[in-house]
PDB file of N, CA and C in Angstrom:
ATOM      1  N   MET A   1      -6.220   9.516  -8.770  1.00  0.00           N
ATOM      2  CA  MET A   1      -6.505  10.731  -8.036  1.00  0.00           C
ATOM      3  C   MET A   1      -7.218  10.387  -6.729  1.00  0.00           C
ATOM      4  N   ILE A   2      -8.114   9.419  -6.778  1.00  0.00           N
ATOM      5  CA  ILE A   2      -8.829   9.015  -5.565  1.00  0.00           C
ATOM      6  C   ILE A   2      -7.845   8.444  -4.554  1.00  0.00           C
ATOM      7  N   MET A   3      -6.876   7.675  -5.031  1.00  0.00           N
ATOM      8  CA  MET A   3      -5.872   7.100  -4.138  1.00  0.00           C
ATOM      9  C   MET A   3      -5.054   8.203  -3.465  1.00  0.00           C
ATOM     10  N   ALA A   4      -4.720   9.243  -4.206  1.00  0.00           N
ATOM     11  CA  ALA A   4      -3.966  10.357  -3.638  1.00  0.00           C
ATOM     12  C   ALA A   4      -4.776  11.042  -2.538  1.00  0.00           C
ATOM     13  N   MET A   5      -6.065  11.218  -2.770  1.00  0.00           N
ATOM     14  CA  MET A   5      -6.911  11.862  -1.755  1.00  0.00           C
ATOM     15  C   MET A   5      -7.054  10.984  -0.513  1.00  0.00           C
ATOM     16  N   LEU A   6      -7.151   9.678  -0.716  1.00  0.00           N
ATOM     17  CA  LEU A   6      -7.257   8.773   0.433  1.00  0.00           C
ATOM     18  C   LEU A   6      -5.977   8.763   1.265  1.00  0.00           C
ATOM     19  N   THR A   7      -4.826   8.859   0.601  1.00  0.00           N
ATOM     20  CA  THR A   7      -3.582   8.905   1.360  1.00  0.00           C
ATOM     21  C   THR A   7      -3.457  10.207   2.146  1.00  0.00           C
ATOM     22  N   VAL A   8      -3.972  11.302   1.599  1.00  0.00           N
ATOM     23  CA  VAL A   8      -3.976  12.574   2.326  1.00  0.00           C
ATOM     24  C   VAL A   8      -4.838  12.453   3.585  1.00  0.00           C
ATOM     25  N   VAL A   9      -6.012  11.895   3.443  1.00  0.00           N
ATOM     26  CA  VAL A   9      -6.902  11.729   4.594  1.00  0.00           C
ATOM     27  C   VAL A   9      -6.282  10.785   5.624  1.00  0.00           C
ATOM     28  N   GLY A  10      -5.656   9.712   5.154  1.00  0.00           N
ATOM     29  CA  GLY A  10      -5.011   8.776   6.061  1.00  0.00           C
ATOM     30  C   GLY A  10      -3.884   9.419   6.848  1.00  0.00           C
ATOM     31  N   SER A  11      -3.033  10.198   6.172  1.00  0.00           N
ATOM     32  CA  SER A  11      -1.933  10.857   6.883  1.00  0.00           C
ATOM     33  C   SER A  11      -2.452  11.922   7.833  1.00  0.00           C
ATOM     34  N   LEU A  12      -3.573  12.555   7.497  1.00  0.00           N
ATOM     35  CA  LEU A  12      -4.181  13.526   8.406  1.00  0.00           C
ATOM     36  C   LEU A  12      -4.625  12.848   9.693  1.00  0.00           C
ATOM     37  N   PHE A  13      -5.291  11.713   9.566  1.00  0.00           N
ATOM     38  CA  PHE A  13      -5.754  11.007  10.760  1.00  0.00           C
ATOM     39  C   PHE A  13      -4.597  10.471  11.596  1.00  0.00           C
ATOM     40  N   ILE A  14      -3.546  10.021  10.948  1.00  0.00           N
ATOM     41  CA  ILE A  14      -2.372   9.554  11.691  1.00  0.00           C
ATOM     42  C   ILE A  14      -1.754  10.713  12.473  1.00  0.00           C
ATOM     43  N   GLY A  15      -1.604  11.861  11.835  1.00  0.00           N
ATOM     44  CA  GLY A  15      -1.063  13.041  12.518  1.00  0.00           C
ATOM     45  C   GLY A  15      -1.936  13.485  13.674  1.00  0.00           C
ATOM     46  N   LEU A  16      -3.247  13.472  13.467  1.00  0.00           N
ATOM     47  CA  LEU A  16      -4.163  13.846  14.550  1.00  0.00           C
ATOM     48  C   LEU A  16      -4.109  12.847  15.700  1.00  0.00           C
ATOM     49  N   PHE A  17      -3.941  11.572  15.375  1.00  0.00           N
ATOM     50  CA  PHE A  17      -3.838  10.550  16.406  1.00  0.00           C
ATOM     51  C   PHE A  17      -2.616  10.785  17.282  1.00  0.00           C
ATOM     52  N   PHE A  18      -1.466  11.059  16.656  1.00  0.00           N
ATOM     53  CA  PHE A  18      -0.257  11.319  17.424  1.00  0.00           C
ATOM     54  C   PHE A  18      -0.379  12.610  18.229  1.00  0.00           C
ATOM     55  N   MET A  19      -1.055  13.613  17.678  1.00  0.00           N
ATOM     56  CA  MET A  19      -1.253  14.873  18.403  1.00  0.00           C
ATOM     57  C   MET A  19      -2.117  14.659  19.638  1.00  0.00           C
ATOM     58  N   ALA A  20      -3.149  13.842  19.493  1.00  0.00           N
ATOM     59  CA  ALA A  20      -4.075  13.609  20.603  1.00  0.00           C
ATOM     60  C   ALA A  20      -3.405  12.822  21.729  1.00  0.00           C
ATOM     61  N   ARG A  21      -2.467  11.942  21.380  1.00  0.00           N
ATOM     62  CA  ARG A  21      -1.783  11.146  22.402  1.00  0.00           C
ATOM     63  C   ARG A  21      -0.853  11.989  23.244  1.00  0.00           C
ATOM     64  N   GLY A  22      -0.238  12.998  22.651  1.00  0.00           N
ATOM     65  CA  GLY A  22       0.680  13.859  23.386  1.00  0.00           C
ATOM     66  C   GLY A  22       2.018  13.180  23.622  1.00  0.00           C
ATOM     67  N   GLY A  23       2.859  13.828  24.401  1.00  0.00           N
ATOM     68  CA  GLY A  23       4.184  13.275  24.695  1.00  0.00           C
ATOM     69  C   GLY A  23       5.234  13.802  23.736  1.00  0.00           C
ATOM     70  N   GLY A  24       6.495  13.687  24.143  1.00  0.00           N
ATOM     71  CA  GLY A  24       7.602  14.224  23.351  1.00  0.00           C
ATOM     72  C   GLY A  24       7.817  13.508  22.037  1.00  0.00           C
ATOM     73  N   GLY A  25       7.852  12.184  22.068  1.00  0.00           N
ATOM     74  CA  GLY A  25       8.084  11.422  20.844  1.00  0.00           C
ATOM     75  C   GLY A  25       6.928  11.526  19.879  1.00  0.00           C
ATOM     76  N   ASP A  26       5.723  11.625  20.422  1.00  0.00           N
ATOM     77  CA  ASP A  26       4.553  11.717  19.553  1.00  0.00           C
ATOM     78  C   ASP A  26       4.466  13.062  18.852  1.00  0.00           C
ATOM     79  N   ALA A  27       5.016  14.098  19.464  1.00  0.00           N
ATOM     80  CA  ALA A  27       5.013  15.418  18.821  1.00  0.00           C
ATOM     81  C   ALA A  27       5.874  15.384  17.556  1.00  0.00           C
ATOM     82  N   ARG A  28       7.012  14.696  17.632  1.00  0.00           N
ATOM     83  CA  ARG A  28       7.862  14.583  16.429  1.00  0.00           C
ATOM     84  C   ARG A  28       7.167  13.778  15.348  1.00  0.00           C
ATOM     85  N   ARG A  29       6.523  12.673  15.746  1.00  0.00           N
ATOM     86  CA  ARG A  29       5.800  11.862  14.768  1.00  0.00           C
ATOM     87  C   ARG A  29       4.653  12.643  14.148  1.00  0.00           C
ATOM     88  N   SER A  30       3.970  13.421  14.974  1.00  0.00           N
ATOM     89  CA  SER A  30       2.859  14.219  14.480  1.00  0.00           C
ATOM     90  C   SER A  30       3.347  15.245  13.463  1.00  0.00           C
ATOM     91  N   ASN A  31       4.475  15.896  13.743  1.00  0.00           N
ATOM     92  CA  ASN A  31       5.035  16.871  12.805  1.00  0.00           C
ATOM     93  C   ASN A  31       5.422  16.210  11.497  1.00  0.00           C
ATOM     94  N   LYS A  32       6.028  15.031  11.571  1.00  0.00           N
ATOM     95  CA  LYS A  32       6.409  14.317  10.348  1.00  0.00           C
ATOM     96  C   LYS A  32       5.169  13.927   9.543  1.00  0.00           C
ATOM     97  N   ALA A  33       4.139  13.453  10.246  1.00  0.00           N
ATOM     98  CA  ALA A  33       2.910  13.046   9.553  1.00  0.00           C
ATOM     99  C   ALA A  33       2.241  14.251   8.901  1.00  0.00           C
ATOM    100  N   MET A  34       2.257  15.392   9.566  1.00  0.00           N
ATOM    101  CA  MET A  34       1.633  16.582   8.984  1.00  0.00           C
ATOM    102  C   MET A  34       2.447  17.118   7.810  1.00  0.00           C
ATOM    103  N   ARG A  35       3.776  17.010   7.877  1.00  0.00           N
ATOM    104  CA  ARG A  35       4.591  17.401   6.720  1.00  0.00           C
ATOM    105  C   ARG A  35       4.320  16.487   5.534  1.00  0.00           C
ATOM    106  N   LEU A  36       4.198  15.195   5.817  1.00  0.00           N
ATOM    107  CA  LEU A  36       3.861  14.241   4.765  1.00  0.00           C
ATOM    108  C   LEU A  36       2.497  14.571   4.170  1.00  0.00           C
ATOM    109  N   ARG A  37       1.542  14.965   5.022  1.00  0.00           N
ATOM    110  CA  ARG A  37       0.206  15.319   4.542  1.00  0.00           C
ATOM    111  C   ARG A  37       0.261  16.498   3.583  1.00  0.00           C
ATOM    112  N   VAL A  38       1.082  17.491   3.905  1.00  0.00           N
ATOM    113  CA  VAL A  38       1.194  18.669   3.032  1.00  0.00           C
ATOM    114  C   VAL A  38       1.774  18.281   1.675  1.00  0.00           C
ATOM    115  N   ILE A  39       2.784  17.424   1.680  1.00  0.00           N
ATOM    116  CA  ILE A  39       3.383  16.969   0.425  1.00  0.00           C
ATOM    117  C   ILE A  39       2.363  16.176  -0.395  1.00  0.00           C
ATOM    118  N   LEU A  40       1.669  15.256   0.266  1.00  0.00           N
ATOM    119  CA  LEU A  40       0.660  14.456  -0.431  1.00  0.00           C
ATOM    120  C   LEU A  40      -0.486  15.323  -0.951  1.00  0.00           C
ATOM    121  N   GLN A  41      -0.828  16.349  -0.189  1.00  0.00           N
ATOM    122  CA  GLN A  41      -1.886  17.256  -0.624  1.00  0.00           C
ATOM    123  C   GLN A  41      -1.461  18.000  -1.892  1.00  0.00           C
ATOM    124  N   GLY A  42      -0.214  18.411  -1.941  1.00  0.00           N
ATOM    125  CA  GLY A  42       0.303  19.073  -3.141  1.00  0.00           C
ATOM    126  C   GLY A  42       0.269  18.144  -4.346  1.00  0.00           C
ATOM    127  N   LEU A  43       0.657  16.893  -4.133  1.00  0.00           N
ATOM    128  CA  LEU A  43       0.609  15.924  -5.233  1.00  0.00           C
ATOM    129  C   LEU A  43      -0.828  15.681  -5.694  1.00  0.00           C
ATOM    130  N   ALA A  44      -1.758  15.604  -4.751  1.00  0.00           N
ATOM    131  CA  ALA A  44      -3.160  15.400  -5.114  1.00  0.00           C
ATOM    132  C   ALA A  44      -3.668  16.582  -5.941  1.00  0.00           C
ATOM    133  N   LEU A  45      -3.254  17.789  -5.575  1.00  0.00           N
ATOM    134  CA  LEU A  45      -3.654  18.965  -6.359  1.00  0.00           C
ATOM    135  C   LEU A  45      -3.062  18.926  -7.765  1.00  0.00           C
ATOM    136  N   LEU A  46      -1.805  18.485  -7.867  1.00  0.00           N
ATOM    137  CA  LEU A  46      -1.197  18.371  -9.192  1.00  0.00           C
ATOM    138  C   LEU A  46      -1.928  17.349 -10.057  1.00  0.00           C
ATOM    139  N   PHE A  47      -2.304  16.216  -9.456  1.00  0.00           N
ATOM    140  CA  PHE A  47      -3.079  15.214 -10.197  1.00  0.00           C
ATOM    141  C   PHE A  47      -4.418  15.786 -10.648  1.00  0.00           C
ATOM    142  N   PHE A  48      -5.061  16.542  -9.782  1.00  0.00           N
ATOM    143  CA  PHE A  48      -6.342  17.157 -10.104  1.00  0.00           C
ATOM    144  C   PHE A  48      -6.203  18.143 -11.251  1.00  0.00           C
ATOM    145  N   LEU A  49      -5.169  18.986 -11.182  1.00  0.00           N
ATOM    146  CA  LEU A  49      -4.939  19.953 -12.261  1.00  0.00           C
ATOM    147  C   LEU A  49      -4.615  19.253 -13.578  1.00  0.00           C
ATOM    148  N   ALA A  50      -3.826  18.188 -13.512  1.00  0.00           N
ATOM    149  CA  ALA A  50      -3.484  17.443 -14.723  1.00  0.00           C
ATOM    150  C   ALA A  50      -4.752  16.823 -15.330  1.00  0.00           C
ATOM    151  N   ALA A  51      -5.641  16.319 -14.476  1.00  0.00           N
ATOM    152  CA  ALA A  51      -6.886  15.742 -14.989  1.00  0.00           C
ATOM    153  C   ALA A  51      -7.751  16.812 -15.646  1.00  0.00           C
ATOM    154  N   LEU A  52      -7.790  17.990 -15.046  1.00  0.00           N
ATOM    155  CA  LEU A  52      -8.581  19.070 -15.637  1.00  0.00           C
ATOM    156  C   LEU A  52      -8.002  19.530 -16.981  1.00  0.00           C
ATOM    157  N   LEU A  53      -6.693  19.626 -17.047  1.00  0.00           N
ATOM    158  CA  LEU A  53      -6.058  20.115 -18.267  1.00  0.00           C
ATOM    159  C   LEU A  53      -6.119  19.106 -19.406  1.00  0.00           C
ATOM    160  N   THR A  54      -6.131  17.833 -19.105  1.00  0.00           N
ATOM    161  CA  THR A  54      -6.175  16.829 -20.166  1.00  0.00           C
ATOM    162  C   THR A  54      -7.588  16.629 -20.712  1.00  0.00           C
ATOM    163  N   GLN A  55      -8.599  17.055 -19.989  1.00  0.00           N
ATOM    164  CA  GLN A  55      -9.976  16.907 -20.470  1.00  0.00           C
ATOM    165  C   GLN A  55     -10.390  18.028 -21.401  1.00  0.00           C
ATOM    166  N   ALA A  56      -9.650  19.121 -21.399  1.00  0.00           N
ATOM    167  CA  ALA A  56     -10.035  20.278 -22.214  1.00  0.00           C
ATOM    168  C   ALA A  56      -9.731  20.092 -23.663  1.00  0.00           C
TER     169      ALA A  56
END
């Protein structure tokens, strides 16, 4: 679960880096990185829910 959260933070920073640089190609990379972040965030939430449900 910690690894999933770290990958979410990493993809967030990569997306922000591309956004800050600007330019046409960087906008596409930034969008891809942010889409990846949303997917990873969903997976991290699923891992969190699974951990909560297995402890009960």
